[in-house]
Amino acid sequence: MNTSSGELYIQAMAATQRFVDRVRPDQWRNPTPCSEWDLKAVANHIIAENLWAGELLAGKTIAEVGSKLDGDLAGEDPAAAYRESVGVAQDAANAPGAMEATVHLSFGDFAGADYATQLFMDLLVHGWDIAKGSGQDARLDPDLVSACLPIAEKLTREWRSAGVFGDELPVSEDADAQTKLLALFGRNA
């Protein structure tokens, strides 16, 4: 799969949209594999990430964005709020020069493509959290999993000591790619 970071991020948004759209209104308070967050909190997190992407890929700094993306962005209809955030993030990721631009994150400056790669990885895994927490078939797109696994192996190795990721779970050598990917994030497939 020879796909750009921006395209992978957009594909992960679409894949996650399918899970978000299938969450019933009475399920938003269900627990998720992301133990600190229920379904609505996970949705709020990925909505915020998408809206932040819209701002940061457009060249704004964290200080310029300020607190406008704090709090409950999911509202009464998390699925609708997610769809709206996808539109914002897609436009930003598709903007000319967005993947080459410098993005100013709290932990350093990165190329837009590197930022999109981080978002792709986070969104794919949190899509799985939403699927699991709402009792859906949580099988992720195998092409996205294959693209994400080497990224996740590299980034979890680099950032785990900084407390960005929880403990990796052990898996057998012959485990499938999705099981290996999820284990990197402390999730049991």
Protein backbone atom coordinates (compact mmCIF):
# COMPACT_ATOMS: atom_id res chain seq x y z
CA MET A 1 0.00 0.00 0.00
CA ASN A 2 1.76 3.13 -1.21
CA THR A 3 -0.40 5.86 0.27
CA SER A 4 0.55 9.28 1.60
CA SER A 5 0.17 10.20 5.26
CA GLY A 6 -2.66 12.59 4.48
CA GLU A 7 -4.52 9.92 2.51
CA LEU A 8 -4.06 7.37 5.32
CA TYR A 9 -5.44 9.86 7.83
CA ILE A 10 -8.45 10.53 5.60
CA GLN A 11 -9.05 6.80 5.13
CA ALA A 12 -8.84 6.22 8.89
CA MET A 13 -11.38 9.01 9.44
CA ALA A 14 -13.78 7.29 7.03
CA ALA A 15 -13.23 3.86 8.60
CA THR A 16 -13.84 5.29 12.07
CA GLN A 17 -16.92 7.13 10.81
CA ARG A 18 -18.55 3.78 10.08
CA PHE A 19 -18.03 2.72 13.71
CA VAL A 20 -19.18 6.07 15.14
CA ASP A 21 -22.32 6.08 13.00
CA ARG A 22 -23.35 2.66 14.38
CA VAL A 23 -23.19 3.68 18.05
CA ARG A 24 -26.74 3.75 19.43
CA PRO A 25 -27.74 6.81 21.51
CA ASP A 26 -28.00 4.65 24.65
CA GLN A 27 -24.40 3.40 24.23
CA TRP A 28 -22.42 6.65 24.49
CA ARG A 29 -21.69 6.07 28.21
CA ASN A 30 -20.44 2.49 27.63
CA PRO A 31 -16.89 1.74 28.78
CA THR A 32 -14.16 1.24 26.19
CA PRO A 33 -10.80 -0.55 26.05
CA CYS A 34 -9.33 2.93 26.61
CA SER A 35 -10.05 2.51 30.31
CA GLU A 36 -10.23 6.17 31.34
CA TRP A 37 -12.83 7.01 28.69
CA ASP A 38 -16.35 5.96 27.82
CA LEU A 39 -17.53 6.00 24.19
CA LYS A 40 -18.48 9.67 24.27
CA ALA A 41 -15.09 10.65 25.71
CA VAL A 42 -13.26 8.69 22.98
CA ALA A 43 -15.47 10.37 20.38
CA ASN A 44 -14.78 13.76 21.95
CA HIS A 45 -11.04 13.06 21.79
CA ILE A 46 -11.03 12.19 18.08
CA ILE A 47 -13.39 15.08 17.27
CA ALA A 48 -10.94 17.41 19.02
CA GLU A 49 -7.99 15.86 17.17
CA ASN A 50 -9.69 16.44 13.83
CA LEU A 51 -10.57 20.03 14.71
CA TRP A 52 -7.01 20.64 15.95
CA ALA A 53 -5.73 19.21 12.64
CA GLY A 54 -7.85 21.81 10.85
CA GLU A 55 -6.15 24.56 12.81
CA LEU A 56 -2.58 23.26 12.99
CA LEU A 57 -2.33 22.10 9.37
CA ALA A 58 -3.43 25.61 8.41
CA GLY A 59 -0.37 27.00 10.21
CA LYS A 60 -1.83 28.12 13.53
CA THR A 61 0.05 27.58 16.76
CA ILE A 62 -1.41 26.07 19.93
CA ALA A 63 -1.35 29.53 21.51
CA GLU A 64 -3.32 30.99 18.60
CA VAL A 65 -5.99 28.28 18.93
CA GLY A 66 -6.12 28.77 22.67
CA SER A 67 -8.92 27.08 24.57
CA LYS A 68 -11.58 27.15 21.85
CA LEU A 69 -11.31 23.37 21.35
CA ASP A 70 -11.48 22.49 25.05
CA GLY A 71 -14.45 20.80 26.69
CA ASP A 72 -17.34 18.81 25.27
CA LEU A 73 -17.13 18.99 21.48
CA ALA A 74 -19.26 15.85 20.99
CA GLY A 75 -22.42 17.46 22.36
CA GLU A 76 -25.77 15.71 22.20
CA ASP A 77 -24.98 14.02 18.87
CA PRO A 78 -21.39 12.74 18.86
CA ALA A 79 -21.82 11.10 15.43
CA ALA A 80 -22.86 14.40 13.83
CA ALA A 81 -20.05 16.25 15.61
CA TYR A 82 -17.58 13.64 14.37
CA ARG A 83 -18.82 13.95 10.78
CA GLU A 84 -18.40 17.72 10.98
CA SER A 85 -14.86 17.33 12.36
CA VAL A 86 -14.00 14.96 9.51
CA GLY A 87 -14.96 17.62 6.98
CA VAL A 88 -12.70 20.16 8.69
CA ALA A 89 -9.75 17.75 8.92
CA GLN A 90 -10.16 16.45 5.37
CA ASP A 91 -10.13 19.96 3.97
CA ALA A 92 -7.01 20.75 5.98
CA ALA A 93 -5.20 17.54 4.99
CA ASN A 94 -6.06 18.07 1.32
CA ALA A 95 -5.01 21.73 1.26
CA PRO A 96 -2.08 22.45 -1.06
CA GLY A 97 1.20 22.27 0.86
CA ALA A 98 -0.38 20.96 4.10
CA MET A 99 1.79 17.84 4.24
CA GLU A 100 4.98 19.85 3.68
CA ALA A 101 4.11 22.68 6.09
CA THR A 102 5.58 22.88 9.58
CA VAL A 103 3.07 22.01 12.29
CA HIS A 104 3.73 23.37 15.78
CA LEU A 105 2.76 20.75 18.37
CA SER A 106 3.17 20.88 22.13
CA PHE A 107 6.12 18.48 21.89
CA GLY A 108 7.91 20.03 18.92
CA ASP A 109 7.64 21.04 15.30
CA PHE A 110 6.82 18.41 12.69
CA ALA A 111 6.11 18.27 8.99
CA GLY A 112 2.40 18.08 8.20
CA ALA A 113 2.95 14.55 6.86
CA ASP A 114 4.45 13.43 10.18
CA TYR A 115 1.54 14.96 12.08
CA ALA A 116 -0.95 13.25 9.74
CA THR A 117 0.83 9.95 10.38
CA GLN A 118 0.40 10.41 14.14
CA LEU A 119 -3.28 11.25 13.66
CA PHE A 120 -3.79 8.25 11.37
CA MET A 121 -2.39 5.89 13.99
CA ASP A 122 -4.36 7.39 16.88
CA LEU A 123 -7.61 7.54 14.94
CA LEU A 124 -7.37 3.95 13.71
CA VAL A 125 -6.84 2.59 17.23
CA HIS A 126 -9.56 4.76 18.75
CA GLY A 127 -11.93 3.62 16.00
CA TRP A 128 -11.35 0.10 17.29
CA ASP A 129 -12.07 1.33 20.84
CA ILE A 130 -15.42 2.69 19.66
CA ALA A 131 -16.27 -0.52 17.84
CA LYS A 132 -15.42 -2.66 20.88
CA GLY A 133 -17.19 -0.38 23.35
CA SER A 134 -20.38 -0.48 21.31
CA GLY A 135 -20.32 -4.21 20.59
CA GLN A 136 -19.63 -3.92 16.86
CA ASP A 137 -17.49 -6.15 14.69
CA ALA A 138 -14.16 -4.50 15.48
CA ARG A 139 -12.22 -5.86 12.51
CA LEU A 140 -10.18 -2.96 11.12
CA ASP A 141 -9.42 -2.49 7.44
CA PRO A 142 -6.46 -4.85 6.86
CA ASP A 143 -4.75 -2.41 4.47
CA LEU A 144 -4.89 0.35 7.08
CA VAL A 145 -3.62 -2.03 9.76
CA SER A 146 -0.72 -3.08 7.51
CA ALA A 147 0.16 0.55 6.87
CA CYS A 148 -0.14 1.45 10.55
CA LEU A 149 1.80 -1.41 12.15
CA PRO A 150 5.34 -0.24 11.20
CA ILE A 151 4.42 3.33 12.16
CA ALA A 152 3.09 2.18 15.52
CA GLU A 153 6.13 -0.01 16.17
CA LYS A 154 8.42 2.96 15.57
CA LEU A 155 6.43 5.60 17.47
CA THR A 156 5.58 3.45 20.49
CA ARG A 157 9.26 2.49 20.78
CA GLU A 158 10.28 6.17 20.63
CA TRP A 159 7.58 7.63 22.87
CA ARG A 160 6.63 4.93 25.40
CA SER A 161 9.30 6.06 27.89
CA ALA A 162 7.77 9.56 27.84
CA GLY A 163 4.49 8.10 29.10
CA VAL A 164 2.62 8.69 25.85
CA PHE A 165 1.58 5.03 25.56
CA GLY A 166 0.69 2.38 28.10
CA ASP A 167 2.39 -0.96 28.43
CA GLU A 168 2.67 -3.20 25.40
CA LEU A 169 0.94 -6.57 25.73
CA PRO A 170 2.78 -9.74 24.76
CA VAL A 171 1.54 -11.51 21.62
CA SER A 172 2.67 -14.62 19.80
CA GLU A 173 4.95 -14.35 16.78
CA ASP A 174 2.19 -15.72 14.55
CA ALA A 175 -0.48 -13.25 15.74
CA ASP A 176 -2.25 -11.35 12.98
CA ALA A 177 -1.33 -7.73 12.22
CA GLN A 178 -4.37 -6.27 14.00
CA THR A 179 -3.60 -8.22 17.19
CA LYS A 180 0.03 -7.01 17.05
CA LEU A 181 -1.03 -3.41 16.40
CA LEU A 182 -3.49 -3.33 19.28
CA ALA A 183 -1.03 -4.99 21.66
CA LEU A 184 1.42 -2.15 21.05
CA PHE A 185 -1.19 0.12 22.67
CA GLY A 186 -2.00 -2.22 25.56
CA ARG A 187 -5.19 -3.48 23.97
CA ASN A 188 -6.15 -7.14 23.88
CA ALA A 189 -7.72 -8.01 20.54
